[in-house]
């Protein structure tokens, strides 16, 4: 069985991401999956993923194609309270400054800092 998702990607910015998701999100129509970062080396791509309820393989992605390592990442917890989990993971795994996120929650205190970050010289 092959799954061929229908994926729509909307590029946005750090300044607009919260409003874009707020204007899009309908809790009866869309399921929040996660926020994901991809380290591009020197910068990141960040994707917020949603899937449509009662429809197979319909995915909506809000993408910021280039984010600097030291950027302040806005939180969408005011829209989706469960988003704190994936937001805090961004802080731990990439060393990102996510609004209202605590670091050190998902990795051990003696673990490497920001283990998914390509810039291995980073230490917080």
PDB file of N, CA and C in Angstrom:
ATOM      1  N   UNK A   1       0.843  -1.180   0.000  1.00  0.00           N
ATOM      2  CA  UNK A   1       0.000   0.000   0.000  1.00  0.00           C
ATOM      3  C   UNK A   1       0.885   1.239   0.000  1.00  0.00           C
ATOM      4  N   UNK A   2       0.664   2.114  -0.938  1.00  0.00           N
ATOM      5  CA  UNK A   2       1.432   3.336  -1.047  1.00  0.00           C
ATOM      6  C   UNK A   2       0.622   4.503  -0.506  1.00  0.00           C
ATOM      7  N   UNK A   3       1.285   5.316   0.267  1.00  0.00           N
ATOM      8  CA  UNK A   3       0.644   6.512   0.785  1.00  0.00           C
ATOM      9  C   UNK A   3       1.214   7.701   0.027  1.00  0.00           C
ATOM     10  N   UNK A   4       0.360   8.423  -0.631  1.00  0.00           N
ATOM     11  CA  UNK A   4       0.761   9.613  -1.375  1.00  0.00           C
ATOM     12  C   UNK A   4       0.040  10.820  -0.783  1.00  0.00           C
ATOM     13  N   UNK A   5       0.649  11.451   0.207  1.00  0.00           N
ATOM     14  CA  UNK A   5      -0.042  12.562   0.861  1.00  0.00           C
ATOM     15  C   UNK A   5      -0.177  13.776  -0.046  1.00  0.00           C
ATOM     16  N   UNK A   6      -1.247  14.481   0.157  1.00  0.00           N
ATOM     17  CA  UNK A   6      -1.470  15.765  -0.488  1.00  0.00           C
ATOM     18  C   UNK A   6      -0.936  16.814   0.487  1.00  0.00           C
ATOM     19  N   UNK A   7       0.229  17.357   0.176  1.00  0.00           N
ATOM     20  CA  UNK A   7       0.907  18.276   1.087  1.00  0.00           C
ATOM     21  C   UNK A   7       0.861  19.688   0.529  1.00  0.00           C
ATOM     22  N   UNK A   8       0.388  20.612   1.358  1.00  0.00           N
ATOM     23  CA  UNK A   8       0.405  22.028   1.008  1.00  0.00           C
ATOM     24  C   UNK A   8       1.391  22.711   1.943  1.00  0.00           C
ATOM     25  N   UNK A   9       2.299  23.480   1.360  1.00  0.00           N
ATOM     26  CA  UNK A   9       3.293  24.197   2.157  1.00  0.00           C
ATOM     27  C   UNK A   9       3.067  25.691   1.990  1.00  0.00           C
ATOM     28  N   UNK A  10       2.892  26.372   3.107  1.00  0.00           N
ATOM     29  CA  UNK A  10       2.760  27.827   3.094  1.00  0.00           C
ATOM     30  C   UNK A  10       4.005  28.406   3.751  1.00  0.00           C
ATOM     31  N   UNK A  11       4.795  29.130   2.975  1.00  0.00           N
ATOM     32  CA  UNK A  11       5.964  29.786   3.548  1.00  0.00           C
ATOM     33  C   UNK A  11       5.522  31.031   4.298  1.00  0.00           C
ATOM     34  N   UNK A  12       6.158  31.243   5.437  1.00  0.00           N
ATOM     35  CA  UNK A  12       5.817  32.367   6.291  1.00  0.00           C
ATOM     36  C   UNK A  12       7.091  32.894   6.940  1.00  0.00           C
ATOM     37  N   UNK A  13       6.952  33.677   7.980  1.00  0.00           N
ATOM     38  CA  UNK A  13       8.103  34.267   8.664  1.00  0.00           C
ATOM     39  C   UNK A  13       7.907  34.160  10.176  1.00  0.00           C
ATOM     40  N   UNK A  14       8.966  34.426  10.915  1.00  0.00           N
ATOM     41  CA  UNK A  14       8.859  34.425  12.376  1.00  0.00           C
ATOM     42  C   UNK A  14       7.834  35.462  12.841  1.00  0.00           C
ATOM     43  N   UNK A  15       7.774  36.576  12.151  1.00  0.00           N
ATOM     44  CA  UNK A  15       6.850  37.643  12.530  1.00  0.00           C
ATOM     45  C   UNK A  15       5.386  37.258  12.281  1.00  0.00           C
ATOM     46  N   UNK A  16       5.139  36.376  11.307  1.00  0.00           N
ATOM     47  CA  UNK A  16       3.767  36.064  10.902  1.00  0.00           C
ATOM     48  C   UNK A  16       3.270  34.690  11.311  1.00  0.00           C
ATOM     49  N   UNK A  17       4.142  33.813  11.788  1.00  0.00           N
ATOM     50  CA  UNK A  17       3.754  32.415  11.998  1.00  0.00           C
ATOM     51  C   UNK A  17       2.573  32.266  12.958  1.00  0.00           C
ATOM     52  N   UNK A  18       2.557  32.968  14.056  1.00  0.00           N
ATOM     53  CA  UNK A  18       1.463  32.812  15.028  1.00  0.00           C
ATOM     54  C   UNK A  18       0.136  33.239  14.405  1.00  0.00           C
ATOM     55  N   UNK A  19       0.099  34.381  13.748  1.00  0.00           N
ATOM     56  CA  UNK A  19      -1.140  34.830  13.114  1.00  0.00           C
ATOM     57  C   UNK A  19      -1.565  33.918  11.972  1.00  0.00           C
ATOM     58  N   UNK A  20      -0.604  33.433  11.194  1.00  0.00           N
ATOM     59  CA  UNK A  20      -0.949  32.517  10.095  1.00  0.00           C
ATOM     60  C   UNK A  20      -1.616  31.253  10.622  1.00  0.00           C
ATOM     61  N   UNK A  21      -1.047  30.682  11.676  1.00  0.00           N
ATOM     62  CA  UNK A  21      -1.635  29.467  12.249  1.00  0.00           C
ATOM     63  C   UNK A  21      -2.966  29.791  12.924  1.00  0.00           C
ATOM     64  N   UNK A  22      -3.039  30.897  13.627  1.00  0.00           N
ATOM     65  CA  UNK A  22      -4.290  31.280  14.289  1.00  0.00           C
ATOM     66  C   UNK A  22      -5.419  31.449  13.268  1.00  0.00           C
ATOM     67  N   UNK A  23      -5.123  32.075  12.145  1.00  0.00           N
ATOM     68  CA  UNK A  23      -6.135  32.276  11.103  1.00  0.00           C
ATOM     69  C   UNK A  23      -6.513  30.984  10.393  1.00  0.00           C
ATOM     70  N   UNK A  24      -5.619  30.035  10.345  1.00  0.00           N
ATOM     71  CA  UNK A  24      -5.852  28.765   9.669  1.00  0.00           C
ATOM     72  C   UNK A  24      -6.559  27.730  10.552  1.00  0.00           C
ATOM     73  N   UNK A  25      -6.143  27.648  11.791  1.00  0.00           N
ATOM     74  CA  UNK A  25      -6.486  26.507  12.637  1.00  0.00           C
ATOM     75  C   UNK A  25      -7.955  26.484  13.048  1.00  0.00           C
ATOM     76  N   UNK A  26      -8.572  25.341  12.811  1.00  0.00           N
ATOM     77  CA  UNK A  26      -9.925  25.036  13.272  1.00  0.00           C
ATOM     78  C   UNK A  26      -9.820  23.694  13.981  1.00  0.00           C
ATOM     79  N   UNK A  27     -10.045  23.674  15.284  1.00  0.00           N
ATOM     80  CA  UNK A  27      -9.847  22.456  16.075  1.00  0.00           C
ATOM     81  C   UNK A  27     -10.762  21.308  15.658  1.00  0.00           C
ATOM     82  N   UNK A  28     -11.850  21.591  14.964  1.00  0.00           N
ATOM     83  CA  UNK A  28     -12.744  20.538  14.496  1.00  0.00           C
ATOM     84  C   UNK A  28     -12.368  20.013  13.124  1.00  0.00           C
ATOM     85  N   UNK A  29     -11.390  20.660  12.484  1.00  0.00           N
ATOM     86  CA  UNK A  29     -11.009  20.280  11.126  1.00  0.00           C
ATOM     87  C   UNK A  29      -9.563  19.792  11.014  1.00  0.00           C
ATOM     88  N   UNK A  30      -8.685  20.323  11.868  1.00  0.00           N
ATOM     89  CA  UNK A  30      -7.256  20.032  11.753  1.00  0.00           C
ATOM     90  C   UNK A  30      -6.668  19.500  13.055  1.00  0.00           C
ATOM     91  N   UNK A  31      -5.730  18.574  12.902  1.00  0.00           N
ATOM     92  CA  UNK A  31      -4.975  18.000  14.018  1.00  0.00           C
ATOM     93  C   UNK A  31      -3.555  18.529  13.937  1.00  0.00           C
ATOM     94  N   UNK A  32      -3.073  19.103  15.039  1.00  0.00           N
ATOM     95  CA  UNK A  32      -1.682  19.550  15.107  1.00  0.00           C
ATOM     96  C   UNK A  32      -0.799  18.329  15.295  1.00  0.00           C
ATOM     97  N   UNK A  33       0.180  18.160  14.423  1.00  0.00           N
ATOM     98  CA  UNK A  33       1.097  17.026  14.519  1.00  0.00           C
ATOM     99  C   UNK A  33       2.318  17.407  15.351  1.00  0.00           C
ATOM    100  N   UNK A  34       3.079  18.398  14.895  1.00  0.00           N
ATOM    101  CA  UNK A  34       4.305  18.788  15.589  1.00  0.00           C
ATOM    102  C   UNK A  34       4.910  20.015  14.933  1.00  0.00           C
ATOM    103  N   UNK A  35       5.956  20.545  15.556  1.00  0.00           N
ATOM    104  CA  UNK A  35       6.834  21.508  14.915  1.00  0.00           C
ATOM    105  C   UNK A  35       8.180  20.803  14.782  1.00  0.00           C
ATOM    106  N   UNK A  36       8.793  20.936  13.629  1.00  0.00           N
ATOM    107  CA  UNK A  36      10.022  20.216  13.330  1.00  0.00           C
ATOM    108  C   UNK A  36      11.062  21.195  12.796  1.00  0.00           C
ATOM    109  N   UNK A  37      12.301  20.992  13.176  1.00  0.00           N
ATOM    110  CA  UNK A  37      13.398  21.799  12.640  1.00  0.00           C
ATOM    111  C   UNK A  37      14.349  20.905  11.873  1.00  0.00           C
ATOM    112  N   UNK A  38      14.886  21.444  10.801  1.00  0.00           N
ATOM    113  CA  UNK A  38      15.915  20.774  10.020  1.00  0.00           C
ATOM    114  C   UNK A  38      17.116  21.693   9.984  1.00  0.00           C
ATOM    115  N   UNK A  39      18.242  21.212  10.476  1.00  0.00           N
ATOM    116  CA  UNK A  39      19.451  22.024  10.485  1.00  0.00           C
ATOM    117  C   UNK A  39      20.069  22.001   9.091  1.00  0.00           C
ATOM    118  N   UNK A  40      20.174  23.168   8.492  1.00  0.00           N
ATOM    119  CA  UNK A  40      20.720  23.300   7.138  1.00  0.00           C
ATOM    120  C   UNK A  40      22.201  23.668   7.169  1.00  0.00           C
ATOM    121  N   UNK A  41      22.756  23.760   8.363  1.00  0.00           N
ATOM    122  CA  UNK A  41      24.148  24.178   8.500  1.00  0.00           C
ATOM    123  C   UNK A  41      24.219  25.696   8.531  1.00  0.00           C
ATOM    124  N   UNK A  42      24.307  26.270   9.708  1.00  0.00           N
ATOM    125  CA  UNK A  42      24.340  27.710   9.862  1.00  0.00           C
ATOM    126  C   UNK A  42      22.970  28.349   9.993  1.00  0.00           C
ATOM    127  N   UNK A  43      21.949  27.609   9.650  1.00  0.00           N
ATOM    128  CA  UNK A  43      20.568  28.091   9.774  1.00  0.00           C
ATOM    129  C   UNK A  43      19.643  26.883   9.801  1.00  0.00           C
ATOM    130  N   UNK A  44      18.399  27.141  10.129  1.00  0.00           N
ATOM    131  CA  UNK A  44      17.405  26.067  10.240  1.00  0.00           C
ATOM    132  C   UNK A  44      16.217  26.337   9.337  1.00  0.00           C
ATOM    133  N   UNK A  45      15.534  25.272   8.989  1.00  0.00           N
ATOM    134  CA  UNK A  45      14.194  25.362   8.405  1.00  0.00           C
ATOM    135  C   UNK A  45      13.250  24.851   9.475  1.00  0.00           C
ATOM    136  N   UNK A  46      12.159  25.569   9.727  1.00  0.00           N
ATOM    137  CA  UNK A  46      11.200  25.144  10.745  1.00  0.00           C
ATOM    138  C   UNK A  46       9.842  24.942  10.092  1.00  0.00           C
ATOM    139  N   UNK A  47       9.223  23.786  10.384  1.00  0.00           N
ATOM    140  CA  UNK A  47       7.925  23.411   9.830  1.00  0.00           C
ATOM    141  C   UNK A  47       6.941  23.099  10.947  1.00  0.00           C
ATOM    142  N   UNK A  48       5.749  23.669  10.863  1.00  0.00           N
ATOM    143  CA  UNK A  48       4.628  23.329  11.742  1.00  0.00           C
ATOM    144  C   UNK A  48       3.691  22.473  10.907  1.00  0.00           C
ATOM    145  N   UNK A  49       3.391  21.248  11.360  1.00  0.00           N
ATOM    146  CA  UNK A  49       2.631  20.288  10.556  1.00  0.00           C
ATOM    147  C   UNK A  49       1.249  20.021  11.145  1.00  0.00           C
ATOM    148  N   UNK A  50       0.269  19.945  10.255  1.00  0.00           N
ATOM    149  CA  UNK A  50      -1.114  19.660  10.609  1.00  0.00           C
ATOM    150  C   UNK A  50      -1.660  18.613   9.646  1.00  0.00           C
ATOM    151  N   UNK A  51      -2.556  17.757  10.132  1.00  0.00           N
ATOM    152  CA  UNK A  51      -3.260  16.821   9.242  1.00  0.00           C
ATOM    153  C   UNK A  51      -4.750  17.066   9.390  1.00  0.00           C
ATOM    154  N   UNK A  52      -5.450  16.830   8.304  1.00  0.00           N
ATOM    155  CA  UNK A  52      -6.888  17.082   8.290  1.00  0.00           C
ATOM    156  C   UNK A  52      -7.638  15.887   8.856  1.00  0.00           C
ATOM    157  N   UNK A  53      -8.578  16.162   9.770  1.00  0.00           N
ATOM    158  CA  UNK A  53      -9.435  15.109  10.307  1.00  0.00           C
ATOM    159  C   UNK A  53     -10.341  14.576   9.198  1.00  0.00           C
ATOM    160  N   UNK A  54     -10.707  13.308   9.300  1.00  0.00           N
ATOM    161  CA  UNK A  54     -11.673  12.670   8.402  1.00  0.00           C
ATOM    162  C   UNK A  54     -11.269  12.731   6.939  1.00  0.00           C
ATOM    163  N   UNK A  55      -9.989  12.862   6.677  1.00  0.00           N
ATOM    164  CA  UNK A  55      -9.475  12.868   5.309  1.00  0.00           C
ATOM    165  C   UNK A  55      -8.126  12.163   5.325  1.00  0.00           C
ATOM    166  N   UNK A  56      -7.899  11.330   4.356  1.00  0.00           N
ATOM    167  CA  UNK A  56      -6.630  10.608   4.323  1.00  0.00           C
ATOM    168  C   UNK A  56      -5.549  11.450   3.646  1.00  0.00           C
ATOM    169  N   UNK A  57      -4.420  11.526   4.331  1.00  0.00           N
ATOM    170  CA  UNK A  57      -3.205  12.056   3.731  1.00  0.00           C
ATOM    171  C   UNK A  57      -3.268  13.512   3.288  1.00  0.00           C
ATOM    172  N   UNK A  58      -4.022  14.344   3.968  1.00  0.00           N
ATOM    173  CA  UNK A  58      -4.020  15.770   3.668  1.00  0.00           C
ATOM    174  C   UNK A  58      -3.226  16.459   4.768  1.00  0.00           C
ATOM    175  N   UNK A  59      -2.098  17.053   4.363  1.00  0.00           N
ATOM    176  CA  UNK A  59      -1.158  17.659   5.295  1.00  0.00           C
ATOM    177  C   UNK A  59      -0.980  19.132   4.948  1.00  0.00           C
ATOM    178  N   UNK A  60      -1.028  19.979   5.963  1.00  0.00           N
ATOM    179  CA  UNK A  60      -0.745  21.410   5.808  1.00  0.00           C
ATOM    180  C   UNK A  60       0.523  21.713   6.592  1.00  0.00           C
ATOM    181  N   UNK A  61       1.479  22.334   5.934  1.00  0.00           N
ATOM    182  CA  UNK A  61       2.739  22.706   6.575  1.00  0.00           C
ATOM    183  C   UNK A  61       2.912  24.220   6.496  1.00  0.00           C
ATOM    184  N   UNK A  62       3.247  24.815   7.628  1.00  0.00           N
ATOM    185  CA  UNK A  62       3.648  26.212   7.668  1.00  0.00           C
ATOM    186  C   UNK A  62       5.159  26.202   7.817  1.00  0.00           C
ATOM    187  N   UNK A  63       5.854  26.812   6.863  1.00  0.00           N
ATOM    188  CA  UNK A  63       7.320  26.701   6.812  1.00  0.00           C
ATOM    189  C   UNK A  63       7.993  28.063   6.859  1.00  0.00           C
ATOM    190  N   UNK A  64       9.006  28.123   7.713  1.00  0.00           N
ATOM    191  CA  UNK A  64       9.938  29.244   7.673  1.00  0.00           C
ATOM    192  C   UNK A  64      11.230  28.645   7.111  1.00  0.00           C
ATOM    193  N   UNK A  65      11.580  29.008   5.878  1.00  0.00           N
ATOM    194  CA  UNK A  65      12.681  28.312   5.205  1.00  0.00           C
ATOM    195  C   UNK A  65      14.068  28.587   5.764  1.00  0.00           C
ATOM    196  N   UNK A  66      14.278  29.744   6.372  1.00  0.00           N
ATOM    197  CA  UNK A  66      15.600  30.052   6.914  1.00  0.00           C
ATOM    198  C   UNK A  66      15.465  30.832   8.219  1.00  0.00           C
ATOM    199  N   UNK A  67      15.930  30.207   9.287  1.00  0.00           N
ATOM    200  CA  UNK A  67      15.895  30.818  10.619  1.00  0.00           C
ATOM    201  C   UNK A  67      17.299  30.728  11.200  1.00  0.00           C
ATOM    202  N   UNK A  68      17.808  31.825  11.719  1.00  0.00           N
ATOM    203  CA  UNK A  68      19.144  31.789  12.324  1.00  0.00           C
ATOM    204  C   UNK A  68      19.092  31.041  13.650  1.00  0.00           C
ATOM    205  N   UNK A  69      20.220  30.487  14.046  1.00  0.00           N
ATOM    206  CA  UNK A  69      20.310  29.745  15.292  1.00  0.00           C
ATOM    207  C   UNK A  69      19.914  30.591  16.502  1.00  0.00           C
ATOM    208  N   UNK A  70      20.183  31.882  16.444  1.00  0.00           N
ATOM    209  CA  UNK A  70      19.945  32.728  17.617  1.00  0.00           C
ATOM    210  C   UNK A  70      18.605  33.473  17.573  1.00  0.00           C
ATOM    211  N   UNK A  71      17.745  33.136  16.630  1.00  0.00           N
ATOM    212  CA  UNK A  71      16.435  33.788  16.528  1.00  0.00           C
ATOM    213  C   UNK A  71      15.524  33.382  17.688  1.00  0.00           C
ATOM    214  N   UNK A  72      14.636  34.269  18.059  1.00  0.00           N
ATOM    215  CA  UNK A  72      13.602  33.976  19.065  1.00  0.00           C
ATOM    216  C   UNK A  72      12.429  33.342  18.312  1.00  0.00           C
ATOM    217  N   UNK A  73      12.093  32.101  18.657  1.00  0.00           N
ATOM    218  CA  UNK A  73      11.031  31.365  17.985  1.00  0.00           C
ATOM    219  C   UNK A  73       9.726  31.590  18.751  1.00  0.00           C
ATOM    220  N   UNK A  74       8.700  32.142  18.093  1.00  0.00           N
ATOM    221  CA  UNK A  74       7.440  32.365  18.800  1.00  0.00           C
ATOM    222  C   UNK A  74       6.720  31.055  19.113  1.00  0.00           C
ATOM    223  N   UNK A  75       5.984  31.072  20.193  1.00  0.00           N
ATOM    224  CA  UNK A  75       5.220  29.904  20.622  1.00  0.00           C
ATOM    225  C   UNK A  75       3.795  29.973  20.074  1.00  0.00           C
ATOM    226  N   UNK A  76       3.214  28.785  19.799  1.00  0.00           N
ATOM    227  CA  UNK A  76       1.802  28.726  19.406  1.00  0.00           C
ATOM    228  C   UNK A  76       0.963  28.087  20.518  1.00  0.00           C
ATOM    229  N   UNK A  77       1.503  28.011  21.723  1.00  0.00           N
ATOM    230  CA  UNK A  77       0.789  27.402  22.850  1.00  0.00           C
ATOM    231  C   UNK A  77      -0.523  28.128  23.148  1.00  0.00           C
ATOM    232  N   UNK A  78      -0.602  29.407  22.867  1.00  0.00           N
ATOM    233  CA  UNK A  78      -1.857  30.136  23.093  1.00  0.00           C
ATOM    234  C   UNK A  78      -2.973  29.639  22.168  1.00  0.00           C
ATOM    235  N   UNK A  79      -2.598  29.035  21.050  1.00  0.00           N
ATOM    236  CA  UNK A  79      -3.565  28.480  20.095  1.00  0.00           C
ATOM    237  C   UNK A  79      -3.759  26.992  20.342  1.00  0.00           C
ATOM    238  N   UNK A  80      -2.641  26.300  20.552  1.00  0.00           N
ATOM    239  CA  UNK A  80      -2.626  24.850  20.743  1.00  0.00           C
ATOM    240  C   UNK A  80      -1.820  24.526  21.993  1.00  0.00           C
ATOM    241  N   UNK A  81      -2.455  24.380  23.152  1.00  0.00           N
ATOM    242  CA  UNK A  81      -1.721  24.152  24.396  1.00  0.00           C
ATOM    243  C   UNK A  81      -0.758  22.965  24.345  1.00  0.00           C
ATOM    244  N   UNK A  82      -1.085  21.926  23.596  1.00  0.00           N
ATOM    245  CA  UNK A  82      -0.205  20.749  23.535  1.00  0.00           C
ATOM    246  C   UNK A  82       1.083  21.002  22.752  1.00  0.00           C
ATOM    247  N   UNK A  83       1.190  22.126  22.094  1.00  0.00           N
ATOM    248  CA  UNK A  83       2.397  22.427  21.307  1.00  0.00           C
ATOM    249  C   UNK A  83       3.630  22.603  22.182  1.00  0.00           C
ATOM    250  N   UNK A  84       3.453  22.783  23.484  1.00  0.00           N
ATOM    251  CA  UNK A  84       4.612  22.991  24.361  1.00  0.00           C
ATOM    252  C   UNK A  84       5.606  21.847  24.262  1.00  0.00           C
ATOM    253  N   UNK A  85       5.118  20.644  24.066  1.00  0.00           N
ATOM    254  CA  UNK A  85       6.019  19.482  24.027  1.00  0.00           C
ATOM    255  C   UNK A  85       7.005  19.604  22.869  1.00  0.00           C
ATOM    256  N   UNK A  86       6.503  19.816  21.674  1.00  0.00           N
ATOM    257  CA  UNK A  86       7.392  19.902  20.513  1.00  0.00           C
ATOM    258  C   UNK A  86       8.216  21.189  20.539  1.00  0.00           C
ATOM    259  N   UNK A  87       7.676  22.257  21.096  1.00  0.00           N
ATOM    260  CA  UNK A  87       8.448  23.498  21.201  1.00  0.00           C
ATOM    261  C   UNK A  87       9.624  23.337  22.158  1.00  0.00           C
ATOM    262  N   UNK A  88       9.387  22.709  23.294  1.00  0.00           N
ATOM    263  CA  UNK A  88      10.467  22.510  24.260  1.00  0.00           C
ATOM    264  C   UNK A  88      11.526  21.548  23.707  1.00  0.00           C
ATOM    265  N   UNK A  89      11.099  20.594  22.894  1.00  0.00           N
ATOM    266  CA  UNK A  89      12.065  19.709  22.242  1.00  0.00           C
ATOM    267  C   UNK A  89      12.994  20.498  21.320  1.00  0.00           C
ATOM    268  N   UNK A  90      12.463  21.500  20.616  1.00  0.00           N
ATOM    269  CA  UNK A  90      13.322  22.344  19.766  1.00  0.00           C
ATOM    270  C   UNK A  90      14.404  23.012  20.600  1.00  0.00           C
ATOM    271  N   UNK A  91      14.020  23.456  21.791  1.00  0.00           N
ATOM    272  CA  UNK A  91      15.005  24.071  22.672  1.00  0.00           C
ATOM    273  C   UNK A  91      16.090  23.095  23.079  1.00  0.00           C
ATOM    274  N   UNK A  92      15.696  21.898  23.477  1.00  0.00           N
ATOM    275  CA  UNK A  92      16.674  20.898  23.918  1.00  0.00           C
ATOM    276  C   UNK A  92      17.515  20.344  22.771  1.00  0.00           C
ATOM    277  N   UNK A  93      16.887  19.993  21.681  1.00  0.00           N
ATOM    278  CA  UNK A  93      17.587  19.274  20.614  1.00  0.00           C
ATOM    279  C   UNK A  93      18.397  20.174  19.686  1.00  0.00           C
ATOM    280  N   UNK A  94      17.972  21.446  19.562  1.00  0.00           N
ATOM    281  CA  UNK A  94      18.683  22.370  18.670  1.00  0.00           C
ATOM    282  C   UNK A  94      19.249  23.587  19.395  1.00  0.00           C
ATOM    283  N   UNK A  95      18.976  23.719  20.688  1.00  0.00           N
ATOM    284  CA  UNK A  95      19.456  24.877  21.431  1.00  0.00           C
ATOM    285  C   UNK A  95      18.770  26.166  21.024  1.00  0.00           C
ATOM    286  N   UNK A  96      17.519  26.079  20.590  1.00  0.00           N
ATOM    287  CA  UNK A  96      16.796  27.261  20.137  1.00  0.00           C
ATOM    288  C   UNK A  96      16.131  27.984  21.297  1.00  0.00           C
ATOM    289  N   UNK A  97      15.974  29.276  21.117  1.00  0.00           N
ATOM    290  CA  UNK A  97      15.294  30.119  22.093  1.00  0.00           C
ATOM    291  C   UNK A  97      13.825  30.191  21.686  1.00  0.00           C
ATOM    292  N   UNK A  98      13.028  29.277  22.220  1.00  0.00           N
ATOM    293  CA  UNK A  98      11.602  29.234  21.925  1.00  0.00           C
ATOM    294  C   UNK A  98      10.877  29.961  23.050  1.00  0.00           C
ATOM    295  N   UNK A  99       9.994  30.855  22.677  1.00  0.00           N
ATOM    296  CA  UNK A  99       9.245  31.661  23.641  1.00  0.00           C
ATOM    297  C   UNK A  99       8.633  30.793  24.743  1.00  0.00           C
ATOM    298  N   UNK A 100       8.932  31.102  25.988  1.00  0.00           N
ATOM    299  CA  UNK A 100       8.403  30.442  27.187  1.00  0.00           C
ATOM    300  C   UNK A 100       8.795  28.974  27.345  1.00  0.00           C
ATOM    301  N   UNK A 101       9.769  28.507  26.600  1.00  0.00           N
ATOM    302  CA  UNK A 101      10.185  27.106  26.716  1.00  0.00           C
ATOM    303  C   UNK A 101      11.335  26.961  27.699  1.00  0.00           C
ATOM    304  N   UNK A 102      11.286  25.871  28.460  1.00  0.00           N
ATOM    305  CA  UNK A 102      12.382  25.525  29.362  1.00  0.00           C
ATOM    306  C   UNK A 102      13.330  24.588  28.622  1.00  0.00           C
ATOM    307  N   UNK A 103      14.589  24.672  28.919  1.00  0.00           N
ATOM    308  CA  UNK A 103      15.562  23.755  28.341  1.00  0.00           C
ATOM    309  C   UNK A 103      15.958  22.723  29.392  1.00  0.00           C
ATOM    310  N   UNK A 104      16.443  21.579  28.920  1.00  0.00           N
ATOM    311  CA  UNK A 104      16.881  20.529  29.821  1.00  0.00           C
ATOM    312  C   UNK A 104      15.769  19.618  30.291  1.00  0.00           C
ATOM    313  N   UNK A 105      14.643  19.623  29.615  1.00  0.00           N
ATOM    314  CA  UNK A 105      13.505  18.808  30.016  1.00  0.00           C
ATOM    315  C   UNK A 105      13.569  17.414  29.397  1.00  0.00           C
ATOM    316  N   UNK A 106      13.988  17.327  28.143  1.00  0.00           N
ATOM    317  CA  UNK A 106      13.933  16.063  27.420  1.00  0.00           C
ATOM    318  C   UNK A 106      15.284  15.376  27.236  1.00  0.00           C
ATOM    319  N   UNK A 107      16.346  16.008  27.698  1.00  0.00           N
ATOM    320  CA  UNK A 107      17.657  15.359  27.630  1.00  0.00           C
ATOM    321  C   UNK A 107      18.291  15.390  29.021  1.00  0.00           C
ATOM    322  N   UNK A 108      19.134  14.427  29.269  1.00  0.00           N
ATOM    323  CA  UNK A 108      19.784  14.322  30.580  1.00  0.00           C
ATOM    324  C   UNK A 108      20.737  15.505  30.794  1.00  0.00           C
ATOM    325  N   UNK A 109      20.922  15.921  32.045  1.00  0.00           N
ATOM    326  CA  UNK A 109      21.805  17.065  32.323  1.00  0.00           C
ATOM    327  C   UNK A 109      23.222  16.897  31.787  1.00  0.00           C
ATOM    328  N   UNK A 110      23.719  15.655  31.750  1.00  0.00           N
ATOM    329  CA  UNK A 110      25.084  15.446  31.267  1.00  0.00           C
ATOM    330  C   UNK A 110      25.145  15.080  29.788  1.00  0.00           C
ATOM    331  N   UNK A 111      24.016  15.141  29.087  1.00  0.00           N
ATOM    332  CA  UNK A 111      23.978  14.833  27.644  1.00  0.00           C
ATOM    333  C   UNK A 111      24.587  15.990  26.856  1.00  0.00           C
ATOM    334  N   UNK A 112      25.029  15.715  25.649  1.00  0.00           N
ATOM    335  CA  UNK A 112      25.523  16.808  24.797  1.00  0.00           C
ATOM    336  C   UNK A 112      24.421  17.858  24.604  1.00  0.00           C
ATOM    337  N   UNK A 113      24.818  19.114  24.630  1.00  0.00           N
ATOM    338  CA  UNK A 113      23.862  20.203  24.427  1.00  0.00           C
ATOM    339  C   UNK A 113      23.543  20.310  22.935  1.00  0.00           C
ATOM    340  N   UNK A 114      22.262  20.528  22.623  1.00  0.00           N
ATOM    341  CA  UNK A 114      21.785  20.702  21.250  1.00  0.00           C
ATOM    342  C   UNK A 114      22.318  19.594  20.333  1.00  0.00           C
ATOM    343  N   UNK A 115      22.030  18.320  20.625  1.00  0.00           N
ATOM    344  CA  UNK A 115      22.628  17.213  19.883  1.00  0.00           C
ATOM    345  C   UNK A 115      22.264  17.142  18.390  1.00  0.00           C
ATOM    346  N   UNK A 116      21.197  17.777  17.962  1.00  0.00           N
ATOM    347  CA  UNK A 116      20.834  17.727  16.539  1.00  0.00           C
ATOM    348  C   UNK A 116      21.347  18.926  15.754  1.00  0.00           C
ATOM    349  N   UNK A 117      22.071  19.775  16.428  1.00  0.00           N
ATOM    350  CA  UNK A 117      22.595  20.977  15.769  1.00  0.00           C
ATOM    351  C   UNK A 117      23.906  20.648  15.061  1.00  0.00           C
ATOM    352  N   UNK A 118      24.039  21.068  13.821  1.00  0.00           N
ATOM    353  CA  UNK A 118      25.262  20.794  13.058  1.00  0.00           C
ATOM    354  C   UNK A 118      26.459  21.566  13.591  1.00  0.00           C
ATOM    355  N   UNK A 119      26.203  22.718  14.180  1.00  0.00           N
ATOM    356  CA  UNK A 119      27.278  23.519  14.772  1.00  0.00           C
ATOM    357  C   UNK A 119      27.624  22.915  16.126  1.00  0.00           C
ATOM    358  N   UNK A 120      28.578  21.997  16.147  1.00  0.00           N
ATOM    359  CA  UNK A 120      28.882  21.253  17.366  1.00  0.00           C
ATOM    360  C   UNK A 120      29.622  22.071  18.416  1.00  0.00           C
ATOM    361  N   UNK A 121      30.012  23.291  18.075  1.00  0.00           N
ATOM    362  CA  UNK A 121      30.731  24.112  19.056  1.00  0.00           C
ATOM    363  C   UNK A 121      29.776  24.822  20.009  1.00  0.00           C
ATOM    364  N   UNK A 122      28.469  24.656  19.791  1.00  0.00           N
ATOM    365  CA  UNK A 122      27.479  25.368  20.602  1.00  0.00           C
ATOM    366  C   UNK A 122      27.425  24.800  22.007  1.00  0.00           C
ATOM    367  N   UNK A 123      27.376  25.670  22.978  1.00  0.00           N
ATOM    368  CA  UNK A 123      27.233  25.260  24.381  1.00  0.00           C
ATOM    369  C   UNK A 123      26.472  26.342  25.120  1.00  0.00           C
ATOM    370  N   UNK A 124      25.413  25.987  25.787  1.00  0.00           N
ATOM    371  CA  UNK A 124      24.606  26.978  26.511  1.00  0.00           C
ATOM    372  C   UNK A 124      24.923  26.929  27.976  1.00  0.00           C
TER     373      UNK A 124
END
